[in-house]
Protein backbone atom coordinates (compact mmCIF):
# COMPACT_ATOMS: atom_id res chain seq x y z
CA MET A 1 64.99 83.89 377.46
CA GLY A 2 68.63 84.86 377.68
CA PHE A 3 67.58 88.26 379.01
CA LEU A 4 66.28 86.58 382.18
CA ALA A 5 69.70 85.12 382.96
CA ILE A 6 71.46 88.49 383.14
CA GLN A 7 72.59 89.03 386.72
CA SER A 8 71.40 92.62 386.85
CA VAL A 9 67.90 91.42 385.97
CA ASP A 10 67.80 88.18 387.93
CA SER A 11 69.26 88.80 391.34
CA SER A 12 68.54 85.79 393.52
CA ASP A 13 68.91 87.69 396.82
CA LYS A 14 65.58 89.44 396.21
CA HIS A 15 62.34 87.76 397.25
CA TYR A 16 60.43 89.27 394.35
CA SER A 17 60.84 89.49 390.58
CA SER A 18 61.86 92.73 388.95
CA GLU A 19 59.59 94.59 386.56
CA ALA A 20 61.79 93.61 383.64
CA GLN A 21 61.53 89.94 384.61
CA ILE A 22 57.75 90.11 384.94
CA MET A 23 57.41 91.81 381.55
CA SER A 24 59.66 89.17 379.98
CA TYR A 25 57.53 86.37 381.42
CA LEU A 26 54.36 88.08 380.17
CA SER A 27 55.90 88.51 376.75
CA ILE A 28 56.84 84.84 376.58
CA ALA A 29 53.35 83.78 377.69
CA ALA A 30 51.74 86.08 375.10
CA THR A 31 53.99 84.72 372.36
CA VAL A 32 53.21 81.09 373.18
CA GLY A 33 49.50 81.90 373.41
CA SER A 34 49.58 83.64 370.05
CA ILE A 35 51.27 80.66 368.42
CA LEU A 36 48.74 78.23 369.90
CA LEU A 37 45.80 80.39 368.86
CA GLY A 38 47.17 80.67 365.33
CA LEU A 39 47.57 76.91 365.07
CA ARG A 40 44.02 76.37 366.36
CA LEU A 41 42.58 78.83 363.82
CA LEU A 42 44.59 77.19 361.04
CA LEU A 43 43.22 73.78 362.02
CA ARG A 44 39.65 75.12 362.08
CA GLN A 45 40.09 76.67 358.62
CA THR A 46 41.44 73.44 357.09
CA GLU A 47 38.50 71.53 358.61
CA LYS A 48 36.10 73.97 356.92
CA ILE A 49 37.86 73.53 353.59
CA HIS A 50 37.60 69.74 353.82
CA LYS A 51 33.89 69.98 354.69
CA ALA A 52 33.30 72.29 351.73
CA ASP A 53 35.07 69.83 349.41
CA LYS A 54 32.82 67.03 350.66
CA VAL A 55 29.71 69.14 350.05
CA VAL A 56 30.81 69.92 346.49
CA LYS A 57 31.46 66.24 345.76
CA LEU A 58 28.11 65.20 347.23
CA ARG A 59 26.27 67.89 345.26
CA SER A 60 28.01 66.76 342.06
CA LYS A 61 26.93 63.16 342.67
CA PHE A 62 23.38 64.29 343.40
CA TYR A 63 23.18 66.28 340.15
CA ARG A 64 24.50 63.33 338.16
CA PHE A 65 21.87 61.13 339.80
CA LEU A 66 19.16 63.65 338.89
CA ALA A 67 20.42 63.71 335.31
CA LEU A 68 19.97 59.94 335.12
CA LEU A 69 16.40 60.22 336.38
CA THR A 70 15.43 62.99 333.99
CA PRO A 71 13.98 61.64 330.75
CA SER A 72 15.91 62.75 327.71
CA ARG A 73 14.01 64.59 324.97
């Protein structure tokens, strides 16, 4: 961000942005997008882990229930 404040890069008398400024803005946007995508994927993965834990617990309860129904020899 400090790079954009350098006078040789950000000259206010121009009506357009320089190539360096445009590339800096694109770099910042890509960085923020990458961080947001990473957080979203992390959230999705933790949701899958919690669902898997619930399935394992439910299966364990079901097998215990079946063991109670099965006559012992």
